[in-house]
Structure formats: structure tokens, C-alpha cells
Amino acid sequence: MLEALKELDGQFSFRTLLDALMEACPSNEKIERFLDSDIGGQGSIRDIVTARMTNQLAHTMGQPTDMTSKKVKWIREAEAKNPTPNDLPGPINPYRR
């Protein structure tokens, strides 16, 4: 799967990545584990892709950005430690900002 990722050469959509991974591996569980793997402590493959997509979107909109996979990892881990009120059990306030 890592070879399939390298063949995409950094310029791909998430759909293209998933298609390449599905060709390389028949198991969805293995693909999920691969996307969640942290190679080199830089964040998961999913974090790397999220950072790249965030930067591309911001650039397209003319906005400055410096999102990195480490920042995405930090945000993901912080969110897991302190979930937002809508992630907590119980009724959801539709007027919450």
C-alpha cells in the first residue's frame, strides 16, 4: 500500500488514493489501518492527506495557510481528549455555534 501511495507522487485526490489502495489491498480494515498508521512520527497518512487538502483549498481561495500533518495530528488528538458538546451524549442544541 505504501508503494501505491508513492506511485501517486503527492498529487492526488482522496478518492484517487482510496482507489489505488483498494487495488493494492482487498481488505477495508487493512486500508483503514494503513491510513491511520503514523510513519516517521509526522502524523498518520490520513493526517498528511488532510493537511495537503486543507492547504490546497486555502490556496484556491487565496488564503494563506501553513497546515502540516503534525498540526492535524495535534488537532485530532486534542479533539479526542476534549470533545465538543455535540460529541457528548444527550440532546443536541441546534442553536449551538
PDB file of N, CA and C in Angstrom:
ATOM      1  N   MET A   1       0.830  -1.193   0.000  1.00  0.00           N
ATOM      2  CA  MET A   1       0.000   0.000   0.000  1.00  0.00           C
ATOM      3  C   MET A   1       0.867   1.246   0.000  1.00  0.00           C
ATOM      4  N   LEU A   2       1.990   1.186   0.711  1.00  0.00           N
ATOM      5  CA  LEU A   2       2.905   2.327   0.721  1.00  0.00           C
ATOM      6  C   LEU A   2       3.446   2.582  -0.682  1.00  0.00           C
ATOM      7  N   GLU A   3       3.703   1.525  -1.414  1.00  0.00           N
ATOM      8  CA  GLU A   3       4.182   1.662  -2.795  1.00  0.00           C
ATOM      9  C   GLU A   3       3.109   2.329  -3.666  1.00  0.00           C
ATOM     10  N   ALA A   4       1.845   1.955  -3.472  1.00  0.00           N
ATOM     11  CA  ALA A   4       0.743   2.569  -4.222  1.00  0.00           C
ATOM     12  C   ALA A   4       0.664   4.063  -3.918  1.00  0.00           C
ATOM     13  N   LEU A   5       0.897   4.430  -2.650  1.00  0.00           N
ATOM     14  CA  LEU A   5       0.898   5.847  -2.254  1.00  0.00           C
ATOM     15  C   LEU A   5       2.051   6.589  -2.913  1.00  0.00           C
ATOM     16  N   LYS A   6       3.226   5.976  -2.913  1.00  0.00           N
ATOM     17  CA  LYS A   6       4.401   6.613  -3.528  1.00  0.00           C
ATOM     18  C   LYS A   6       4.213   6.816  -5.029  1.00  0.00           C
ATOM     19  N   GLU A   7       3.540   5.878  -5.687  1.00  0.00           N
ATOM     20  CA  GLU A   7       3.307   5.988  -7.131  1.00  0.00           C
ATOM     21  C   GLU A   7       2.419   7.179  -7.486  1.00  0.00           C
ATOM     22  N   LEU A   8       1.586   7.631  -6.553  1.00  0.00           N
ATOM     23  CA  LEU A   8       0.720   8.783  -6.813  1.00  0.00           C
ATOM     24  C   LEU A   8       1.504  10.082  -6.820  1.00  0.00           C
ATOM     25  N   ASP A   9       2.705  10.085  -6.285  1.00  0.00           N
ATOM     26  CA  ASP A   9       3.645  11.211  -6.356  1.00  0.00           C
ATOM     27  C   ASP A   9       3.113  12.491  -5.719  1.00  0.00           C
ATOM     28  N   GLY A  10       2.290  12.360  -4.680  1.00  0.00           N
ATOM     29  CA  GLY A  10       1.876  13.530  -3.922  1.00  0.00           C
ATOM     30  C   GLY A  10       0.750  14.359  -4.518  1.00  0.00           C
ATOM     31  N   GLN A  11       0.370  14.110  -5.754  1.00  0.00           N
ATOM     32  CA  GLN A  11      -0.697  14.882  -6.397  1.00  0.00           C
ATOM     33  C   GLN A  11      -1.879  13.964  -6.676  1.00  0.00           C
ATOM     34  N   PHE A  12      -2.830  13.936  -5.747  1.00  0.00           N
ATOM     35  CA  PHE A  12      -3.967  13.039  -5.894  1.00  0.00           C
ATOM     36  C   PHE A  12      -5.112  13.529  -5.039  1.00  0.00           C
ATOM     37  N   SER A  13      -6.298  13.100  -5.420  1.00  0.00           N
ATOM     38  CA  SER A  13      -7.471  13.360  -4.589  1.00  0.00           C
ATOM     39  C   SER A  13      -7.601  12.199  -3.605  1.00  0.00           C
ATOM     40  N   PHE A  14      -8.411  12.385  -2.591  1.00  0.00           N
ATOM     41  CA  PHE A  14      -8.609  11.317  -1.617  1.00  0.00           C
ATOM     42  C   PHE A  14      -9.255  10.112  -2.294  1.00  0.00           C
ATOM     43  N   ARG A  15     -10.144  10.370  -3.241  1.00  0.00           N
ATOM     44  CA  ARG A  15     -10.799   9.285  -3.989  1.00  0.00           C
ATOM     45  C   ARG A  15      -9.770   8.487  -4.786  1.00  0.00           C
ATOM     46  N   THR A  16      -8.830   9.189  -5.441  1.00  0.00           N
ATOM     47  CA  THR A  16      -7.777   8.519  -6.196  1.00  0.00           C
ATOM     48  C   THR A  16      -6.922   7.666  -5.271  1.00  0.00           C
ATOM     49  N   LEU A  17      -6.606   8.199  -4.098  1.00  0.00           N
ATOM     50  CA  LEU A  17      -5.828   7.439  -3.120  1.00  0.00           C
ATOM     51  C   LEU A  17      -6.573   6.178  -2.714  1.00  0.00           C
ATOM     52  N   LEU A  18      -7.852   6.305  -2.392  1.00  0.00           N
ATOM     53  CA  LEU A  18      -8.622   5.133  -1.986  1.00  0.00           C
ATOM     54  C   LEU A  18      -8.708   4.105  -3.107  1.00  0.00           C
ATOM     55  N   ASP A  19      -8.887   4.560  -4.342  1.00  0.00           N
ATOM     56  CA  ASP A  19      -8.925   3.632  -5.478  1.00  0.00           C
ATOM     57  C   ASP A  19      -7.607   2.872  -5.607  1.00  0.00           C
ATOM     58  N   ALA A  20      -6.481   3.579  -5.472  1.00  0.00           N
ATOM     59  CA  ALA A  20      -5.168   2.937  -5.568  1.00  0.00           C
ATOM     60  C   ALA A  20      -4.973   1.940  -4.435  1.00  0.00           C
ATOM     61  N   LEU A  21      -5.409   2.294  -3.234  1.00  0.00           N
ATOM     62  CA  LEU A  21      -5.264   1.387  -2.099  1.00  0.00           C
ATOM     63  C   LEU A  21      -6.155   0.162  -2.247  1.00  0.00           C
ATOM     64  N   MET A  22      -7.352   0.361  -2.798  1.00  0.00           N
ATOM     65  CA  MET A  22      -8.264  -0.763  -2.994  1.00  0.00           C
ATOM     66  C   MET A  22      -7.717  -1.738  -4.031  1.00  0.00           C
ATOM     67  N   GLU A  23      -6.981  -1.225  -5.011  1.00  0.00           N
ATOM     68  CA  GLU A  23      -6.348  -2.107  -5.990  1.00  0.00           C
ATOM     69  C   GLU A  23      -5.213  -2.899  -5.344  1.00  0.00           C
ATOM     70  N   ALA A  24      -4.518  -2.281  -4.395  1.00  0.00           N
ATOM     71  CA  ALA A  24      -3.364  -2.915  -3.761  1.00  0.00           C
ATOM     72  C   ALA A  24      -3.759  -3.866  -2.627  1.00  0.00           C
ATOM     73  N   CYS A  25      -4.914  -3.646  -2.036  1.00  0.00           N
ATOM     74  CA  CYS A  25      -5.293  -4.423  -0.855  1.00  0.00           C
ATOM     75  C   CYS A  25      -6.793  -4.701  -0.874  1.00  0.00           C
ATOM     76  N   PRO A  26      -7.188  -5.951  -0.741  1.00  0.00           N
ATOM     77  CA  PRO A  26      -8.619  -6.267  -0.809  1.00  0.00           C
ATOM     78  C   PRO A  26      -9.402  -5.982   0.474  1.00  0.00           C
ATOM     79  N   SER A  27      -8.728  -5.731   1.584  1.00  0.00           N
ATOM     80  CA  SER A  27      -9.418  -5.594   2.863  1.00  0.00           C
ATOM     81  C   SER A  27      -9.592  -4.129   3.270  1.00  0.00           C
ATOM     82  N   ASN A  28     -10.827  -3.736   3.541  1.00  0.00           N
ATOM     83  CA  ASN A  28     -11.099  -2.374   4.019  1.00  0.00           C
ATOM     84  C   ASN A  28     -10.441  -2.123   5.369  1.00  0.00           C
ATOM     85  N   GLU A  29     -10.387  -3.147   6.216  1.00  0.00           N
ATOM     86  CA  GLU A  29      -9.771  -2.998   7.532  1.00  0.00           C
ATOM     87  C   GLU A  29      -8.279  -2.690   7.405  1.00  0.00           C
ATOM     88  N   LYS A  30      -7.612  -3.344   6.455  1.00  0.00           N
ATOM     89  CA  LYS A  30      -6.185  -3.081   6.238  1.00  0.00           C
ATOM     90  C   LYS A  30      -5.973  -1.667   5.712  1.00  0.00           C
ATOM     91  N   ILE A  31      -6.869  -1.205   4.850  1.00  0.00           N
ATOM     92  CA  ILE A  31      -6.766   0.165   4.326  1.00  0.00           C
ATOM     93  C   ILE A  31      -6.946   1.158   5.463  1.00  0.00           C
ATOM     94  N   GLU A  32      -7.929   0.933   6.328  1.00  0.00           N
ATOM     95  CA  GLU A  32      -8.149   1.827   7.473  1.00  0.00           C
ATOM     96  C   GLU A  32      -6.916   1.870   8.379  1.00  0.00           C
ATOM     97  N   ARG A  33      -6.333   0.698   8.653  1.00  0.00           N
ATOM     98  CA  ARG A  33      -5.124   0.656   9.490  1.00  0.00           C
ATOM     99  C   ARG A  33      -3.974   1.390   8.812  1.00  0.00           C
ATOM    100  N   PHE A  34      -3.849   1.244   7.497  1.00  0.00           N
ATOM    101  CA  PHE A  34      -2.800   1.940   6.763  1.00  0.00           C
ATOM    102  C   PHE A  34      -2.996   3.445   6.854  1.00  0.00           C
ATOM    103  N   LEU A  35      -4.223   3.924   6.636  1.00  0.00           N
ATOM    104  CA  LEU A  35      -4.497   5.359   6.699  1.00  0.00           C
ATOM    105  C   LEU A  35      -4.236   5.922   8.093  1.00  0.00           C
ATOM    106  N   ASP A  36      -4.404   5.107   9.108  1.00  0.00           N
ATOM    107  CA  ASP A  36      -4.184   5.554  10.483  1.00  0.00           C
ATOM    108  C   ASP A  36      -2.753   5.337  10.961  1.00  0.00           C
ATOM    109  N   SER A  37      -1.907   4.715  10.135  1.00  0.00           N
ATOM    110  CA  SER A  37      -0.525   4.469  10.547  1.00  0.00           C
ATOM    111  C   SER A  37       0.281   5.769  10.517  1.00  0.00           C
ATOM    112  N   ASP A  38       1.154   5.901  11.497  1.00  0.00           N
ATOM    113  CA  ASP A  38       1.998   7.089  11.646  1.00  0.00           C
ATOM    114  C   ASP A  38       3.423   6.697  11.264  1.00  0.00           C
ATOM    115  N   ILE A  39       3.804   7.045  10.056  1.00  0.00           N
ATOM    116  CA  ILE A  39       5.127   6.693   9.548  1.00  0.00           C
ATOM    117  C   ILE A  39       6.072   7.852   9.823  1.00  0.00           C
ATOM    118  N   GLY A  40       7.029   7.625  10.688  1.00  0.00           N
ATOM    119  CA  GLY A  40       8.025   8.653  10.979  1.00  0.00           C
ATOM    120  C   GLY A  40       7.590   9.710  11.973  1.00  0.00           C
ATOM    121  N   GLY A  41       6.485   9.508  12.679  1.00  0.00           N
ATOM    122  CA  GLY A  41       6.060  10.454  13.701  1.00  0.00           C
ATOM    123  C   GLY A  41       5.535  11.777  13.178  1.00  0.00           C
ATOM    124  N   GLN A  42       5.202  11.845  11.899  1.00  0.00           N
ATOM    125  CA  GLN A  42       4.710  13.080  11.293  1.00  0.00           C
ATOM    126  C   GLN A  42       3.190  13.174  11.283  1.00  0.00           C
ATOM    127  N   GLY A  43       2.529  12.194  11.834  1.00  0.00           N
ATOM    128  CA  GLY A  43       1.075  12.120  11.754  1.00  0.00           C
ATOM    129  C   GLY A  43       0.707  10.964  10.848  1.00  0.00           C
ATOM    130  N   SER A  44      -0.538  10.566  10.896  1.00  0.00           N
ATOM    131  CA  SER A  44      -0.988   9.439  10.090  1.00  0.00           C
ATOM    132  C   SER A  44      -1.038   9.819   8.614  1.00  0.00           C
ATOM    133  N   ILE A  45      -1.178   8.793   7.771  1.00  0.00           N
ATOM    134  CA  ILE A  45      -1.356   9.036   6.338  1.00  0.00           C
ATOM    135  C   ILE A  45      -2.589   9.920   6.151  1.00  0.00           C
ATOM    136  N   ARG A  46      -3.627   9.644   6.908  1.00  0.00           N
ATOM    137  CA  ARG A  46      -4.855  10.453   6.842  1.00  0.00           C
ATOM    138  C   ARG A  46      -4.565  11.906   7.236  1.00  0.00           C
ATOM    139  N   ASP A  47      -3.705  12.134   8.234  1.00  0.00           N
ATOM    140  CA  ASP A  47      -3.331  13.491   8.645  1.00  0.00           C
ATOM    141  C   ASP A  47      -2.569  14.203   7.536  1.00  0.00           C
ATOM    142  N   ILE A  48      -1.673  13.479   6.880  1.00  0.00           N
ATOM    143  CA  ILE A  48      -0.882  14.058   5.784  1.00  0.00           C
ATOM    144  C   ILE A  48      -1.806  14.486   4.646  1.00  0.00           C
ATOM    145  N   VAL A  49      -2.743  13.612   4.290  1.00  0.00           N
ATOM    146  CA  VAL A  49      -3.684  13.926   3.206  1.00  0.00           C
ATOM    147  C   VAL A  49      -4.583  15.094   3.607  1.00  0.00           C
ATOM    148  N   THR A  50      -5.055  15.113   4.855  1.00  0.00           N
ATOM    149  CA  THR A  50      -5.916  16.206   5.327  1.00  0.00           C
ATOM    150  C   THR A  50      -5.182  17.540   5.279  1.00  0.00           C
ATOM    151  N   ALA A  51      -3.932  17.568   5.707  1.00  0.00           N
ATOM    152  CA  ALA A  51      -3.147  18.808   5.671  1.00  0.00           C
ATOM    153  C   ALA A  51      -2.971  19.289   4.234  1.00  0.00           C
ATOM    154  N   ARG A  52      -2.658  18.370   3.332  1.00  0.00           N
ATOM    155  CA  ARG A  52      -2.454  18.746   1.930  1.00  0.00           C
ATOM    156  C   ARG A  52      -3.741  19.289   1.325  1.00  0.00           C
ATOM    157  N   MET A  53      -4.868  18.624   1.588  1.00  0.00           N
ATOM    158  CA  MET A  53      -6.148  19.092   1.049  1.00  0.00           C
ATOM    159  C   MET A  53      -6.530  20.446   1.641  1.00  0.00           C
ATOM    160  N   THR A  54      -6.265  20.654   2.932  1.00  0.00           N
ATOM    161  CA  THR A  54      -6.548  21.936   3.580  1.00  0.00           C
ATOM    162  C   THR A  54      -5.746  23.053   2.923  1.00  0.00           C
ATOM    163  N   ASN A  55      -4.464  22.808   2.685  1.00  0.00           N
ATOM    164  CA  ASN A  55      -3.604  23.811   2.048  1.00  0.00           C
ATOM    165  C   ASN A  55      -4.050  24.106   0.622  1.00  0.00           C
ATOM    166  N   GLN A  56      -4.434  23.070  -0.114  1.00  0.00           N
ATOM    167  CA  GLN A  56      -4.898  23.277  -1.488  1.00  0.00           C
ATOM    168  C   GLN A  56      -6.173  24.112  -1.516  1.00  0.00           C
ATOM    169  N   LEU A  57      -7.104  23.805  -0.619  1.00  0.00           N
ATOM    170  CA  LEU A  57      -8.360  24.559  -0.565  1.00  0.00           C
ATOM    171  C   LEU A  57      -8.103  26.014  -0.197  1.00  0.00           C
ATOM    172  N   ALA A  58      -7.292  26.239   0.824  1.00  0.00           N
ATOM    173  CA  ALA A  58      -6.984  27.610   1.240  1.00  0.00           C
ATOM    174  C   ALA A  58      -6.276  28.369   0.119  1.00  0.00           C
ATOM    175  N   HIS A  59      -5.346  27.722  -0.554  1.00  0.00           N
ATOM    176  CA  HIS A  59      -4.628  28.364  -1.661  1.00  0.00           C
ATOM    177  C   HIS A  59      -5.599  28.738  -2.785  1.00  0.00           C
ATOM    178  N   THR A  60      -6.521  27.839  -3.093  1.00  0.00           N
ATOM    179  CA  THR A  60      -7.519  28.105  -4.134  1.00  0.00           C
ATOM    180  C   THR A  60      -8.381  29.312  -3.785  1.00  0.00           C
ATOM    181  N   MET A  61      -8.645  29.482  -2.492  1.00  0.00           N
ATOM    182  CA  MET A  61      -9.472  30.603  -2.034  1.00  0.00           C
ATOM    183  C   MET A  61      -8.643  31.863  -1.788  1.00  0.00           C
ATOM    184  N   GLY A  62      -7.334  31.789  -2.065  1.00  0.00           N
ATOM    185  CA  GLY A  62      -6.470  32.946  -1.902  1.00  0.00           C
ATOM    186  C   GLY A  62      -6.108  33.241  -0.455  1.00  0.00           C
ATOM    187  N   GLN A  63      -6.194  32.229   0.396  1.00  0.00           N
ATOM    188  CA  GLN A  63      -5.915  32.420   1.814  1.00  0.00           C
ATOM    189  C   GLN A  63      -4.547  31.837   2.170  1.00  0.00           C
ATOM    190  N   PRO A  64      -3.817  32.497   3.051  1.00  0.00           N
ATOM    191  CA  PRO A  64      -2.542  31.926   3.497  1.00  0.00           C
ATOM    192  C   PRO A  64      -2.806  30.719   4.397  1.00  0.00           C
ATOM    193  N   THR A  65      -1.916  29.777   4.360  1.00  0.00           N
ATOM    194  CA  THR A  65      -2.070  28.587   5.203  1.00  0.00           C
ATOM    195  C   THR A  65      -0.715  27.954   5.459  1.00  0.00           C
ATOM    196  N   ASP A  66      -0.620  27.287   6.572  1.00  0.00           N
ATOM    197  CA  ASP A  66       0.607  26.564   6.896  1.00  0.00           C
ATOM    198  C   ASP A  66       0.270  25.270   7.619  1.00  0.00           C
ATOM    199  N   MET A  67      -0.824  24.628   7.203  1.00  0.00           N
ATOM    200  CA  MET A  67      -1.260  23.395   7.847  1.00  0.00           C
ATOM    201  C   MET A  67      -0.260  22.281   7.546  1.00  0.00           C
ATOM    202  N   THR A  68       0.124  21.577   8.597  1.00  0.00           N
ATOM    203  CA  THR A  68       1.027  20.445   8.456  1.00  0.00           C
ATOM    204  C   THR A  68       0.351  19.212   9.032  1.00  0.00           C
ATOM    205  N   SER A  69       0.888  18.059   8.708  1.00  0.00           N
ATOM    206  CA  SER A  69       0.328  16.825   9.255  1.00  0.00           C
ATOM    207  C   SER A  69       0.484  16.786  10.775  1.00  0.00           C
ATOM    208  N   LYS A  70       1.543  17.404  11.304  1.00  0.00           N
ATOM    209  CA  LYS A  70       1.712  17.461  12.760  1.00  0.00           C
ATOM    210  C   LYS A  70       0.610  18.295  13.408  1.00  0.00           C
ATOM    211  N   LYS A  71       0.217  19.398  12.757  1.00  0.00           N
ATOM    212  CA  LYS A  71      -0.875  20.219  13.296  1.00  0.00           C
ATOM    213  C   LYS A  71      -2.200  19.467  13.233  1.00  0.00           C
ATOM    214  N   VAL A  72      -2.434  18.750  12.127  1.00  0.00           N
ATOM    215  CA  VAL A  72      -3.663  17.961  12.018  1.00  0.00           C
ATOM    216  C   VAL A  72      -3.693  16.905  13.112  1.00  0.00           C
ATOM    217  N   LYS A  73      -2.566  16.251  13.346  1.00  0.00           N
ATOM    218  CA  LYS A  73      -2.466  15.239  14.404  1.00  0.00           C
ATOM    219  C   LYS A  73      -2.770  15.863  15.763  1.00  0.00           C
ATOM    220  N   TRP A  74      -2.203  17.040  16.030  1.00  0.00           N
ATOM    221  CA  TRP A  74      -2.428  17.722  17.305  1.00  0.00           C
ATOM    222  C   TRP A  74      -3.916  18.052  17.475  1.00  0.00           C
ATOM    223  N   ILE A  75      -4.550  18.563  16.434  1.00  0.00           N
ATOM    224  CA  ILE A  75      -5.977  18.911  16.487  1.00  0.00           C
ATOM    225  C   ILE A  75      -6.813  17.659  16.728  1.00  0.00           C
ATOM    226  N   ARG A  76      -6.514  16.592  16.009  1.00  0.00           N
ATOM    227  CA  ARG A  76      -7.254  15.339  16.158  1.00  0.00           C
ATOM    228  C   ARG A  76      -7.122  14.797  17.577  1.00  0.00           C
ATOM    229  N   GLU A  77      -5.914  14.810  18.125  1.00  0.00           N
ATOM    230  CA  GLU A  77      -5.697  14.302  19.482  1.00  0.00           C
ATOM    231  C   GLU A  77      -6.348  15.209  20.529  1.00  0.00           C
ATOM    232  N   ALA A  78      -6.282  16.524  20.326  1.00  0.00           N
ATOM    233  CA  ALA A  78      -6.921  17.451  21.267  1.00  0.00           C
ATOM    234  C   ALA A  78      -8.437  17.280  21.251  1.00  0.00           C
ATOM    235  N   GLU A  79      -8.998  17.068  20.076  1.00  0.00           N
ATOM    236  CA  GLU A  79     -10.435  16.873  19.945  1.00  0.00           C
ATOM    237  C   GLU A  79     -10.867  15.569  20.624  1.00  0.00           C
ATOM    238  N   ALA A  80     -10.025  14.553  20.560  1.00  0.00           N
ATOM    239  CA  ALA A  80     -10.346  13.284  21.212  1.00  0.00           C
ATOM    240  C   ALA A  80     -10.330  13.433  22.738  1.00  0.00           C
ATOM    241  N   LYS A  81      -9.443  14.282  23.255  1.00  0.00           N
ATOM    242  CA  LYS A  81      -9.352  14.492  24.705  1.00  0.00           C
ATOM    243  C   LYS A  81     -10.493  15.361  25.224  1.00  0.00           C
ATOM    244  N   ASN A  82     -10.879  16.359  24.456  1.00  0.00           N
ATOM    245  CA  ASN A  82     -11.909  17.319  24.864  1.00  0.00           C
ATOM    246  C   ASN A  82     -12.963  17.429  23.776  1.00  0.00           C
ATOM    247  N   PRO A  83     -13.885  16.481  23.708  1.00  0.00           N
ATOM    248  CA  PRO A  83     -14.890  16.532  22.638  1.00  0.00           C
ATOM    249  C   PRO A  83     -15.775  17.766  22.758  1.00  0.00           C
ATOM    250  N   THR A  84     -16.248  18.245  21.631  1.00  0.00           N
ATOM    251  CA  THR A  84     -17.157  19.383  21.633  1.00  0.00           C
ATOM    252  C   THR A  84     -18.495  18.938  22.219  1.00  0.00           C
ATOM    253  N   PRO A  85     -19.297  19.868  22.711  1.00  0.00           N
ATOM    254  CA  PRO A  85     -20.565  19.494  23.344  1.00  0.00           C
ATOM    255  C   PRO A  85     -21.452  18.608  22.473  1.00  0.00           C
ATOM    256  N   ASN A  86     -21.458  18.800  21.159  1.00  0.00           N
ATOM    257  CA  ASN A  86     -22.303  17.974  20.302  1.00  0.00           C
ATOM    258  C   ASN A  86     -21.783  16.552  20.184  1.00  0.00           C
ATOM    259  N   ASP A  87     -20.533  16.300  20.598  1.00  0.00           N
ATOM    260  CA  ASP A  87     -19.994  14.949  20.583  1.00  0.00           C
ATOM    261  C   ASP A  87     -20.297  14.198  21.875  1.00  0.00           C
ATOM    262  N   LEU A  88     -20.851  14.907  22.846  1.00  0.00           N
ATOM    263  CA  LEU A  88     -21.168  14.286  24.126  1.00  0.00           C
ATOM    264  C   LEU A  88     -22.561  13.670  24.067  1.00  0.00           C
ATOM    265  N   PRO A  89     -22.818  12.652  24.878  1.00  0.00           N
ATOM    266  CA  PRO A  89     -24.154  12.045  24.886  1.00  0.00           C
ATOM    267  C   PRO A  89     -25.212  13.044  25.336  1.00  0.00           C
ATOM    268  N   GLY A  90     -26.421  12.810  24.898  1.00  0.00           N
ATOM    269  CA  GLY A  90     -27.537  13.656  25.310  1.00  0.00           C
ATOM    270  C   GLY A  90     -28.095  14.447  24.147  1.00  0.00           C
ATOM    271  N   PRO A  91     -29.093  15.270  24.422  1.00  0.00           N
ATOM    272  CA  PRO A  91     -29.731  16.040  23.342  1.00  0.00           C
ATOM    273  C   PRO A  91     -28.778  17.083  22.764  1.00  0.00           C
ATOM    274  N   ILE A  92     -28.940  17.343  21.493  1.00  0.00           N
ATOM    275  CA  ILE A  92     -28.109  18.327  20.788  1.00  0.00           C
ATOM    276  C   ILE A  92     -28.844  19.652  20.713  1.00  0.00           C
ATOM    277  N   ASN A  93     -28.148  20.723  21.066  1.00  0.00           N
ATOM    278  CA  ASN A  93     -28.703  22.060  20.971  1.00  0.00           C
ATOM    279  C   ASN A  93     -28.516  22.551  19.531  1.00  0.00           C
ATOM    280  N   PRO A  94     -29.602  22.700  18.766  1.00  0.00           N
ATOM    281  CA  PRO A  94     -29.464  23.112  17.367  1.00  0.00           C
ATOM    282  C   PRO A  94     -28.994  24.552  17.212  1.00  0.00           C
ATOM    283  N   TYR A  95     -29.020  25.334  18.277  1.00  0.00           N
ATOM    284  CA  TYR A  95     -28.622  26.741  18.215  1.00  0.00           C
ATOM    285  C   TYR A  95     -27.182  26.958  18.654  1.00  0.00           C
ATOM    286  N   ARG A  96     -26.485  25.872  18.989  1.00  0.00           N
ATOM    287  CA  ARG A  96     -25.090  25.980  19.406  1.00  0.00           C
ATOM    288  C   ARG A  96     -24.239  26.444  18.244  1.00  0.00           C
ATOM    289  N   ARG A  97     -23.339  27.355  18.514  1.00  0.00           N
ATOM    290  CA  ARG A  97     -22.427  27.837  17.471  1.00  0.00           C
ATOM    291  C   ARG A  97     -21.239  26.959  17.400  1.00  0.00           C
TER     292      ARG A  97
END
